[in-house]
Amino acid sequence: MLTSYITANTPRDINVLKQADADLLRPMTDKEIFANFICFIIYSLEHYPEVKQRLRQEFDRVFENDLTRPITYKDLDKLEYCDAVTKEINRHYPVAFFI
């Protein structure tokens, strides 16, 4: 479904007939695509509480219960499970099929 939204009103759009107002006839922006991906992450975490719990444990371990400090690249390297979860969610709900 998300791929359909991304390709809508672009040369890859398969719909010939357009029945919407001008605002809906524009392609999605990168910001809107990212927001949709975040929604899929939240949706998935709510369906798999054990994954959500393990992510929270990883955040506590990496950030040492100080969630107000700035995130560094070193921190991102330590978030291996978080990286795996986002990749798995992207595999199930691909943002773009051509990446």
PDB file of N, CA and C in Angstrom:
ATOM      1  N   MET A   1       0.817  -1.182   0.000  1.00  0.00           N
ATOM      2  CA  MET A   1       0.000   0.000   0.000  1.00  0.00           C
ATOM      3  C   MET A   1       0.870   1.260   0.000  1.00  0.00           C
ATOM      4  N   LEU A   2       1.922   1.243   0.835  1.00  0.00           N
ATOM      5  CA  LEU A   2       2.797   2.403   0.898  1.00  0.00           C
ATOM      6  C   LEU A   2       3.491   2.641  -0.437  1.00  0.00           C
ATOM      7  N   THR A   3       3.873   1.575  -1.109  1.00  0.00           N
ATOM      8  CA  THR A   3       4.501   1.718  -2.428  1.00  0.00           C
ATOM      9  C   THR A   3       3.540   2.400  -3.394  1.00  0.00           C
ATOM     10  N   SER A   4       2.260   2.080  -3.308  1.00  0.00           N
ATOM     11  CA  SER A   4       1.262   2.739  -4.163  1.00  0.00           C
ATOM     12  C   SER A   4       1.199   4.231  -3.883  1.00  0.00           C
ATOM     13  N   TYR A   5       1.278   4.597  -2.601  1.00  0.00           N
ATOM     14  CA  TYR A   5       1.276   6.020  -2.251  1.00  0.00           C
ATOM     15  C   TYR A   5       2.518   6.725  -2.775  1.00  0.00           C
ATOM     16  N   ILE A   6       3.656   6.050  -2.699  1.00  0.00           N
ATOM     17  CA  ILE A   6       4.907   6.663  -3.133  1.00  0.00           C
ATOM     18  C   ILE A   6       4.924   6.868  -4.648  1.00  0.00           C
ATOM     19  N   THR A   7       4.427   5.894  -5.374  1.00  0.00           N
ATOM     20  CA  THR A   7       4.470   5.994  -6.841  1.00  0.00           C
ATOM     21  C   THR A   7       3.299   6.780  -7.420  1.00  0.00           C
ATOM     22  N   ALA A   8       2.304   7.107  -6.610  1.00  0.00           N
ATOM     23  CA  ALA A   8       1.143   7.855  -7.108  1.00  0.00           C
ATOM     24  C   ALA A   8       1.579   9.186  -7.700  1.00  0.00           C
ATOM     25  N   ASN A   9       1.048   9.480  -8.849  1.00  0.00           N
ATOM     26  CA  ASN A   9       1.284  10.743  -9.540  1.00  0.00           C
ATOM     27  C   ASN A   9       2.747  10.948  -9.936  1.00  0.00           C
ATOM     28  N   THR A  10       3.429   9.878 -10.175  1.00  0.00           N
ATOM     29  CA  THR A  10       4.786   9.894 -10.717  1.00  0.00           C
ATOM     30  C   THR A  10       4.750   9.101 -12.017  1.00  0.00           C
ATOM     31  N   PRO A  11       5.836   9.074 -12.777  1.00  0.00           N
ATOM     32  CA  PRO A  11       5.831   8.266 -14.003  1.00  0.00           C
ATOM     33  C   PRO A  11       5.585   6.773 -13.752  1.00  0.00           C
ATOM     34  N   ARG A  12       5.782   6.292 -12.524  1.00  0.00           N
ATOM     35  CA  ARG A  12       5.555   4.872 -12.215  1.00  0.00           C
ATOM     36  C   ARG A  12       4.106   4.562 -11.827  1.00  0.00           C
ATOM     37  N   ASP A  13       3.271   5.574 -11.759  1.00  0.00           N
ATOM     38  CA  ASP A  13       1.877   5.388 -11.357  1.00  0.00           C
ATOM     39  C   ASP A  13       1.135   4.554 -12.399  1.00  0.00           C
ATOM     40  N   ILE A  14       0.403   3.525 -11.942  1.00  0.00           N
ATOM     41  CA  ILE A  14      -0.335   2.660 -12.871  1.00  0.00           C
ATOM     42  C   ILE A  14      -1.775   3.120 -13.076  1.00  0.00           C
ATOM     43  N   ASN A  15      -2.245   4.075 -12.272  1.00  0.00           N
ATOM     44  CA  ASN A  15      -3.606   4.578 -12.391  1.00  0.00           C
ATOM     45  C   ASN A  15      -3.680   5.644 -13.466  1.00  0.00           C
ATOM     46  N   VAL A  16      -4.556   5.443 -14.424  1.00  0.00           N
ATOM     47  CA  VAL A  16      -4.694   6.386 -15.532  1.00  0.00           C
ATOM     48  C   VAL A  16      -5.640   7.514 -15.153  1.00  0.00           C
ATOM     49  N   LEU A  17      -6.722   7.170 -14.499  1.00  0.00           N
ATOM     50  CA  LEU A  17      -7.757   8.141 -14.151  1.00  0.00           C
ATOM     51  C   LEU A  17      -7.462   8.747 -12.781  1.00  0.00           C
ATOM     52  N   LYS A  18      -7.382  10.076 -12.699  1.00  0.00           N
ATOM     53  CA  LYS A  18      -7.104  10.777 -11.455  1.00  0.00           C
ATOM     54  C   LYS A  18      -8.381  11.458 -10.974  1.00  0.00           C
ATOM     55  N   GLN A  19      -8.854  11.076  -9.787  1.00  0.00           N
ATOM     56  CA  GLN A  19     -10.058  11.690  -9.238  1.00  0.00           C
ATOM     57  C   GLN A  19      -9.764  12.179  -7.829  1.00  0.00           C
ATOM     58  N   ALA A  20      -9.119  13.324  -7.727  1.00  0.00           N
ATOM     59  CA  ALA A  20      -8.801  13.905  -6.427  1.00  0.00           C
ATOM     60  C   ALA A  20      -8.489  15.375  -6.616  1.00  0.00           C
ATOM     61  N   ASP A  21      -8.421  16.100  -5.477  1.00  0.00           N
ATOM     62  CA  ASP A  21      -8.065  17.514  -5.580  1.00  0.00           C
ATOM     63  C   ASP A  21      -6.561  17.673  -5.803  1.00  0.00           C
ATOM     64  N   ALA A  22      -6.134  18.883  -6.071  1.00  0.00           N
ATOM     65  CA  ALA A  22      -4.740  19.144  -6.453  1.00  0.00           C
ATOM     66  C   ALA A  22      -3.747  18.718  -5.387  1.00  0.00           C
ATOM     67  N   ASP A  23      -4.087  18.884  -4.104  1.00  0.00           N
ATOM     68  CA  ASP A  23      -3.154  18.520  -3.033  1.00  0.00           C
ATOM     69  C   ASP A  23      -2.906  17.016  -2.993  1.00  0.00           C
ATOM     70  N   LEU A  24      -3.911  16.242  -3.327  1.00  0.00           N
ATOM     71  CA  LEU A  24      -3.757  14.786  -3.314  1.00  0.00           C
ATOM     72  C   LEU A  24      -3.112  14.250  -4.587  1.00  0.00           C
ATOM     73  N   LEU A  25      -2.977  15.060  -5.598  1.00  0.00           N
ATOM     74  CA  LEU A  25      -2.404  14.614  -6.858  1.00  0.00           C
ATOM     75  C   LEU A  25      -0.885  14.819  -6.930  1.00  0.00           C
ATOM     76  N   ARG A  26      -0.266  15.193  -5.826  1.00  0.00           N
ATOM     77  CA  ARG A  26       1.182  15.345  -5.805  1.00  0.00           C
ATOM     78  C   ARG A  26       1.810  14.088  -5.201  1.00  0.00           C
ATOM     79  N   PRO A  27       3.047  13.772  -5.564  1.00  0.00           N
ATOM     80  CA  PRO A  27       3.720  12.620  -4.949  1.00  0.00           C
ATOM     81  C   PRO A  27       3.996  12.881  -3.470  1.00  0.00           C
ATOM     82  N   MET A  28       4.197  11.813  -2.710  1.00  0.00           N
ATOM     83  CA  MET A  28       4.529  11.963  -1.290  1.00  0.00           C
ATOM     84  C   MET A  28       5.931  12.541  -1.140  1.00  0.00           C
ATOM     85  N   THR A  29       6.119  13.344  -0.113  1.00  0.00           N
ATOM     86  CA  THR A  29       7.441  13.891   0.175  1.00  0.00           C
ATOM     87  C   THR A  29       8.248  12.872   0.983  1.00  0.00           C
ATOM     88  N   ASP A  30       9.552  13.082   1.046  1.00  0.00           N
ATOM     89  CA  ASP A  30      10.399  12.188   1.849  1.00  0.00           C
ATOM     90  C   ASP A  30       9.980  12.201   3.309  1.00  0.00           C
ATOM     91  N   LYS A  31       9.572  13.354   3.796  1.00  0.00           N
ATOM     92  CA  LYS A  31       9.126  13.478   5.190  1.00  0.00           C
ATOM     93  C   LYS A  31       7.877  12.621   5.437  1.00  0.00           C
ATOM     94  N   GLU A  32       6.946  12.639   4.504  1.00  0.00           N
ATOM     95  CA  GLU A  32       5.734  11.827   4.629  1.00  0.00           C
ATOM     96  C   GLU A  32       6.056  10.332   4.556  1.00  0.00           C
ATOM     97  N   ILE A  33       6.993   9.965   3.712  1.00  0.00           N
ATOM     98  CA  ILE A  33       7.402   8.562   3.598  1.00  0.00           C
ATOM     99  C   ILE A  33       8.036   8.098   4.900  1.00  0.00           C
ATOM    100  N   PHE A  34       8.917   8.929   5.470  1.00  0.00           N
ATOM    101  CA  PHE A  34       9.557   8.594   6.738  1.00  0.00           C
ATOM    102  C   PHE A  34       8.521   8.469   7.845  1.00  0.00           C
ATOM    103  N   ALA A  35       7.550   9.371   7.886  1.00  0.00           N
ATOM    104  CA  ALA A  35       6.497   9.319   8.904  1.00  0.00           C
ATOM    105  C   ALA A  35       5.695   8.026   8.785  1.00  0.00           C
ATOM    106  N   ASN A  36       5.422   7.590   7.562  1.00  0.00           N
ATOM    107  CA  ASN A  36       4.698   6.333   7.366  1.00  0.00           C
ATOM    108  C   ASN A  36       5.527   5.140   7.848  1.00  0.00           C
ATOM    109  N   PHE A  37       6.832   5.180   7.612  1.00  0.00           N
ATOM    110  CA  PHE A  37       7.698   4.095   8.074  1.00  0.00           C
ATOM    111  C   PHE A  37       7.702   4.039   9.600  1.00  0.00           C
ATOM    112  N   ILE A  38       7.729   5.201  10.249  1.00  0.00           N
ATOM    113  CA  ILE A  38       7.664   5.238  11.713  1.00  0.00           C
ATOM    114  C   ILE A  38       6.334   4.638  12.192  1.00  0.00           C
ATOM    115  N   CYS A  39       5.266   4.913  11.484  1.00  0.00           N
ATOM    116  CA  CYS A  39       3.965   4.328  11.844  1.00  0.00           C
ATOM    117  C   CYS A  39       4.002   2.807  11.745  1.00  0.00           C
ATOM    118  N   PHE A  40       4.658   2.275  10.717  1.00  0.00           N
ATOM    119  CA  PHE A  40       4.779   0.826  10.590  1.00  0.00           C
ATOM    120  C   PHE A  40       5.615   0.239  11.724  1.00  0.00           C
ATOM    121  N   ILE A  41       6.643   0.961  12.166  1.00  0.00           N
ATOM    122  CA  ILE A  41       7.454   0.498  13.292  1.00  0.00           C
ATOM    123  C   ILE A  41       6.602   0.431  14.554  1.00  0.00           C
ATOM    124  N   ILE A  42       5.858   1.486  14.834  1.00  0.00           N
ATOM    125  CA  ILE A  42       5.006   1.517  16.027  1.00  0.00           C
ATOM    126  C   ILE A  42       3.948   0.429  15.952  1.00  0.00           C
ATOM    127  N   TYR A  43       3.328   0.279  14.795  1.00  0.00           N
ATOM    128  CA  TYR A  43       2.322  -0.767  14.596  1.00  0.00           C
ATOM    129  C   TYR A  43       2.912  -2.150  14.887  1.00  0.00           C
ATOM    130  N   SER A  44       4.092  -2.404  14.360  1.00  0.00           N
ATOM    131  CA  SER A  44       4.719  -3.715  14.548  1.00  0.00           C
ATOM    132  C   SER A  44       5.103  -3.954  16.000  1.00  0.00           C
ATOM    133  N   LEU A  45       5.634  -2.940  16.666  1.00  0.00           N
ATOM    134  CA  LEU A  45       6.040  -3.103  18.063  1.00  0.00           C
ATOM    135  C   LEU A  45       4.844  -3.360  18.973  1.00  0.00           C
ATOM    136  N   GLU A  46       3.703  -2.793  18.633  1.00  0.00           N
ATOM    137  CA  GLU A  46       2.508  -3.043  19.439  1.00  0.00           C
ATOM    138  C   GLU A  46       1.985  -4.466  19.253  1.00  0.00           C
ATOM    139  N   HIS A  47       2.286  -5.077  18.131  1.00  0.00           N
ATOM    140  CA  HIS A  47       1.865  -6.453  17.898  1.00  0.00           C
ATOM    141  C   HIS A  47       2.863  -7.481  18.431  1.00  0.00           C
ATOM    142  N   TYR A  48       4.072  -7.041  18.739  1.00  0.00           N
ATOM    143  CA  TYR A  48       5.108  -7.936  19.253  1.00  0.00           C
ATOM    144  C   TYR A  48       5.732  -7.329  20.510  1.00  0.00           C
ATOM    145  N   PRO A  49       5.050  -7.449  21.654  1.00  0.00           N
ATOM    146  CA  PRO A  49       5.544  -6.822  22.886  1.00  0.00           C
ATOM    147  C   PRO A  49       6.900  -7.353  23.342  1.00  0.00           C
ATOM    148  N   GLU A  50       7.233  -8.595  22.993  1.00  0.00           N
ATOM    149  CA  GLU A  50       8.539  -9.129  23.392  1.00  0.00           C
ATOM    150  C   GLU A  50       9.673  -8.411  22.656  1.00  0.00           C
ATOM    151  N   VAL A  51       9.430  -8.024  21.422  1.00  0.00           N
ATOM    152  CA  VAL A  51      10.420  -7.259  20.655  1.00  0.00           C
ATOM    153  C   VAL A  51      10.542  -5.858  21.258  1.00  0.00           C
ATOM    154  N   LYS A  52       9.417  -5.269  21.583  1.00  0.00           N
ATOM    155  CA  LYS A  52       9.407  -3.942  22.198  1.00  0.00           C
ATOM    156  C   LYS A  52      10.187  -3.951  23.513  1.00  0.00           C
ATOM    157  N   GLN A  53       9.978  -4.979  24.319  1.00  0.00           N
ATOM    158  CA  GLN A  53      10.681  -5.092  25.593  1.00  0.00           C
ATOM    159  C   GLN A  53      12.186  -5.247  25.381  1.00  0.00           C
ATOM    160  N   ARG A  54      12.575  -6.043  24.425  1.00  0.00           N
ATOM    161  CA  ARG A  54      14.002  -6.235  24.156  1.00  0.00           C
ATOM    162  C   ARG A  54      14.647  -4.951  23.631  1.00  0.00           C
ATOM    163  N   LEU A  55      13.902  -4.193  22.835  1.00  0.00           N
ATOM    164  CA  LEU A  55      14.408  -2.897  22.377  1.00  0.00           C
ATOM    165  C   LEU A  55      14.607  -1.942  23.550  1.00  0.00           C
ATOM    166  N   ARG A  56      13.656  -1.922  24.463  1.00  0.00           N
ATOM    167  CA  ARG A  56      13.791  -1.054  25.638  1.00  0.00           C
ATOM    168  C   ARG A  56      14.996  -1.451  26.471  1.00  0.00           C
ATOM    169  N   GLN A  57      15.238  -2.742  26.602  1.00  0.00           N
ATOM    170  CA  GLN A  57      16.416  -3.200  27.343  1.00  0.00           C
ATOM    171  C   GLN A  57      17.700  -2.748  26.647  1.00  0.00           C
ATOM    172  N   GLU A  58      17.718  -2.825  25.318  1.00  0.00           N
ATOM    173  CA  GLU A  58      18.897  -2.375  24.589  1.00  0.00           C
ATOM    174  C   GLU A  58      19.101  -0.870  24.754  1.00  0.00           C
ATOM    175  N   PHE A  59      18.024  -0.093  24.700  1.00  0.00           N
ATOM    176  CA  PHE A  59      18.143   1.354  24.902  1.00  0.00           C
ATOM    177  C   PHE A  59      18.673   1.666  26.296  1.00  0.00           C
ATOM    178  N   ASP A  60      18.159   0.953  27.305  1.00  0.00           N
ATOM    179  CA  ASP A  60      18.644   1.159  28.672  1.00  0.00           C
ATOM    180  C   ASP A  60      20.123   0.816  28.796  1.00  0.00           C
ATOM    181  N   ARG A  61      20.540  -0.240  28.126  1.00  0.00           N
ATOM    182  CA  ARG A  61      21.946  -0.655  28.189  1.00  0.00           C
ATOM    183  C   ARG A  61      22.844   0.364  27.490  1.00  0.00           C
ATOM    184  N   VAL A  62      22.454   0.798  26.300  1.00  0.00           N
ATOM    185  CA  VAL A  62      23.300   1.704  25.515  1.00  0.00           C
ATOM    186  C   VAL A  62      23.292   3.118  26.093  1.00  0.00           C
ATOM    187  N   PHE A  63      22.120   3.603  26.469  1.00  0.00           N
ATOM    188  CA  PHE A  63      22.015   4.981  26.947  1.00  0.00           C
ATOM    189  C   PHE A  63      22.131   5.091  28.463  1.00  0.00           C
ATOM    190  N   GLU A  64      22.295   3.959  29.140  1.00  0.00           N
ATOM    191  CA  GLU A  64      22.480   3.914  30.588  1.00  0.00           C
ATOM    192  C   GLU A  64      21.386   4.686  31.323  1.00  0.00           C
ATOM    193  N   ASN A  65      20.154   4.487  30.902  1.00  0.00           N
ATOM    194  CA  ASN A  65      18.972   5.113  31.500  1.00  0.00           C
ATOM    195  C   ASN A  65      18.993   6.641  31.457  1.00  0.00           C
ATOM    196  N   ASP A  66      19.851   7.242  30.647  1.00  0.00           N
ATOM    197  CA  ASP A  66      19.895   8.692  30.474  1.00  0.00           C
ATOM    198  C   ASP A  66      19.427   9.010  29.057  1.00  0.00           C
ATOM    199  N   LEU A  67      18.121   9.108  28.879  1.00  0.00           N
ATOM    200  CA  LEU A  67      17.554   9.316  27.548  1.00  0.00           C
ATOM    201  C   LEU A  67      17.570  10.773  27.124  1.00  0.00           C
ATOM    202  N   THR A  68      18.137  11.662  27.957  1.00  0.00           N
ATOM    203  CA  THR A  68      18.173  13.080  27.601  1.00  0.00           C
ATOM    204  C   THR A  68      19.483  13.481  26.946  1.00  0.00           C
ATOM    205  N   ARG A  69      20.487  12.625  27.016  1.00  0.00           N
ATOM    206  CA  ARG A  69      21.778  13.000  26.426  1.00  0.00           C
ATOM    207  C   ARG A  69      21.733  12.834  24.911  1.00  0.00           C
ATOM    208  N   PRO A  70      22.549  13.599  24.196  1.00  0.00           N
ATOM    209  CA  PRO A  70      22.564  13.493  22.734  1.00  0.00           C
ATOM    210  C   PRO A  70      23.032  12.109  22.277  1.00  0.00           C
ATOM    211  N   ILE A  71      22.469  11.661  21.176  1.00  0.00           N
ATOM    212  CA  ILE A  71      22.839  10.367  20.603  1.00  0.00           C
ATOM    213  C   ILE A  71      24.053  10.570  19.702  1.00  0.00           C
ATOM    214  N   THR A  72      25.045   9.707  19.849  1.00  0.00           N
ATOM    215  CA  THR A  72      26.260   9.787  19.044  1.00  0.00           C
ATOM    216  C   THR A  72      26.281   8.640  18.032  1.00  0.00           C
ATOM    217  N   TYR A  73      27.194   8.729  17.070  1.00  0.00           N
ATOM    218  CA  TYR A  73      27.356   7.638  16.102  1.00  0.00           C
ATOM    219  C   TYR A  73      27.818   6.365  16.805  1.00  0.00           C
ATOM    220  N   LYS A  74      28.594   6.512  17.861  1.00  0.00           N
ATOM    221  CA  LYS A  74      29.047   5.354  18.632  1.00  0.00           C
ATOM    222  C   LYS A  74      27.851   4.625  19.254  1.00  0.00           C
ATOM    223  N   ASP A  75      26.873   5.406  19.729  1.00  0.00           N
ATOM    224  CA  ASP A  75      25.648   4.812  20.274  1.00  0.00           C
ATOM    225  C   ASP A  75      24.896   4.037  19.203  1.00  0.00           C
ATOM    226  N   LEU A  76      24.812   4.625  18.022  1.00  0.00           N
ATOM    227  CA  LEU A  76      24.080   3.965  16.928  1.00  0.00           C
ATOM    228  C   LEU A  76      24.723   2.643  16.547  1.00  0.00           C
ATOM    229  N   ASP A  77      26.046   2.576  16.610  1.00  0.00           N
ATOM    230  CA  ASP A  77      26.739   1.322  16.312  1.00  0.00           C
ATOM    231  C   ASP A  77      26.403   0.238  17.325  1.00  0.00           C
ATOM    232  N   LYS A  78      26.093   0.636  18.553  1.00  0.00           N
ATOM    233  CA  LYS A  78      25.782  -0.327  19.614  1.00  0.00           C
ATOM    234  C   LYS A  78      24.334  -0.827  19.542  1.00  0.00           C
ATOM    235  N   LEU A  79      23.485  -0.137  18.827  1.00  0.00           N
ATOM    236  CA  LEU A  79      22.066  -0.506  18.745  1.00  0.00           C
ATOM    237  C   LEU A  79      21.847  -1.561  17.660  1.00  0.00           C
ATOM    238  N   GLU A  80      22.441  -2.718  17.838  1.00  0.00           N
ATOM    239  CA  GLU A  80      22.377  -3.774  16.827  1.00  0.00           C
ATOM    240  C   GLU A  80      20.973  -4.371  16.702  1.00  0.00           C
ATOM    241  N   TYR A  81      20.313  -4.602  17.821  1.00  0.00           N
ATOM    242  CA  TYR A  81      18.961  -5.182  17.770  1.00  0.00           C
ATOM    243  C   TYR A  81      17.986  -4.180  17.151  1.00  0.00           C
ATOM    244  N   CYS A  82      18.120  -2.923  17.485  1.00  0.00           N
ATOM    245  CA  CYS A  82      17.275  -1.877  16.909  1.00  0.00           C
ATOM    246  C   CYS A  82      17.452  -1.832  15.391  1.00  0.00           C
ATOM    247  N   ASP A  83      18.684  -1.929  14.946  1.00  0.00           N
ATOM    248  CA  ASP A  83      18.970  -1.957  13.514  1.00  0.00           C
ATOM    249  C   ASP A  83      18.315  -3.169  12.854  1.00  0.00           C
ATOM    250  N   ALA A  84      18.404  -4.313  13.510  1.00  0.00           N
ATOM    251  CA  ALA A  84      17.806  -5.533  12.962  1.00  0.00           C
ATOM    252  C   ALA A  84      16.286  -5.416  12.891  1.00  0.00           C
ATOM    253  N   VAL A  85      15.688  -4.825  13.918  1.00  0.00           N
ATOM    254  CA  VAL A  85      14.227  -4.674  13.944  1.00  0.00           C
ATOM    255  C   VAL A  85      13.763  -3.749  12.821  1.00  0.00           C
ATOM    256  N   THR A  86      14.429  -2.621  12.650  1.00  0.00           N
ATOM    257  CA  THR A  86      14.005  -1.702  11.586  1.00  0.00           C
ATOM    258  C   THR A  86      14.199  -2.325  10.208  1.00  0.00           C
ATOM    259  N   LYS A  87      15.249  -3.094  10.035  1.00  0.00           N
ATOM    260  CA  LYS A  87      15.455  -3.768   8.740  1.00  0.00           C
ATOM    261  C   LYS A  87      14.389  -4.824   8.492  1.00  0.00           C
ATOM    262  N   GLU A  88      14.001  -5.542   9.543  1.00  0.00           N
ATOM    263  CA  GLU A  88      12.964  -6.572   9.393  1.00  0.00           C
ATOM    264  C   GLU A  88      11.615  -5.938   9.086  1.00  0.00           C
ATOM    265  N   ILE A  89      11.301  -4.832   9.754  1.00  0.00           N
ATOM    266  CA  ILE A  89      10.042  -4.134   9.477  1.00  0.00           C
ATOM    267  C   ILE A  89      10.049  -3.594   8.056  1.00  0.00           C
ATOM    268  N   ASN A  90      11.182  -3.071   7.632  1.00  0.00           N
ATOM    269  CA  ASN A  90      11.280  -2.576   6.251  1.00  0.00           C
ATOM    270  C   ASN A  90      11.142  -3.719   5.244  1.00  0.00           C
ATOM    271  N   ARG A  91      11.580  -4.901   5.634  1.00  0.00           N
ATOM    272  CA  ARG A  91      11.434  -6.062   4.742  1.00  0.00           C
ATOM    273  C   ARG A  91       9.960  -6.445   4.610  1.00  0.00           C
ATOM    274  N   HIS A  92       9.218  -6.395   5.712  1.00  0.00           N
ATOM    275  CA  HIS A  92       7.792  -6.748   5.679  1.00  0.00           C
ATOM    276  C   HIS A  92       6.930  -5.649   5.064  1.00  0.00           C
ATOM    277  N   TYR A  93       7.299  -4.392   5.309  1.00  0.00           N
ATOM    278  CA  TYR A  93       6.550  -3.250   4.791  1.00  0.00           C
ATOM    279  C   TYR A  93       7.526  -2.345   4.022  1.00  0.00           C
ATOM    280  N   PRO A  94       7.952  -2.746   2.841  1.00  0.00           N
ATOM    281  CA  PRO A  94       8.968  -1.967   2.120  1.00  0.00           C
ATOM    282  C   PRO A  94       8.449  -0.578   1.752  1.00  0.00           C
ATOM    283  N   VAL A  95       9.266   0.415   2.021  1.00  0.00           N
ATOM    284  CA  VAL A  95       8.914   1.787   1.688  1.00  0.00           C
ATOM    285  C   VAL A  95       8.970   1.986   0.188  1.00  0.00           C
ATOM    286  N   ALA A  96       9.963   1.411  -0.435  1.00  0.00           N
ATOM    287  CA  ALA A  96      10.080   1.493  -1.889  1.00  0.00           C
ATOM    288  C   ALA A  96      10.601   0.168  -2.410  1.00  0.00           C
ATOM    289  N   PHE A  97       9.953  -0.363  -3.416  1.00  0.00           N
ATOM    290  CA  PHE A  97      10.308  -1.686  -3.915  1.00  0.00           C
ATOM    291  C   PHE A  97      11.566  -1.685  -4.772  1.00  0.00           C
ATOM    292  N   PHE A  98      12.050  -0.521  -5.171  1.00  0.00           N
ATOM    293  CA  PHE A  98      13.183  -0.464  -6.085  1.00  0.00           C
ATOM    294  C   PHE A  98      14.505  -0.196  -5.388  1.00  0.00           C
ATOM    295  N   ILE A  99      14.525  -0.114  -4.064  1.00  0.00           N
ATOM    296  CA  ILE A  99      15.787   0.123  -3.341  1.00  0.00           C
ATOM    297  C   ILE A  99      16.569  -1.161  -3.239  1.00  0.00           C
TER     298      ILE A  99
END
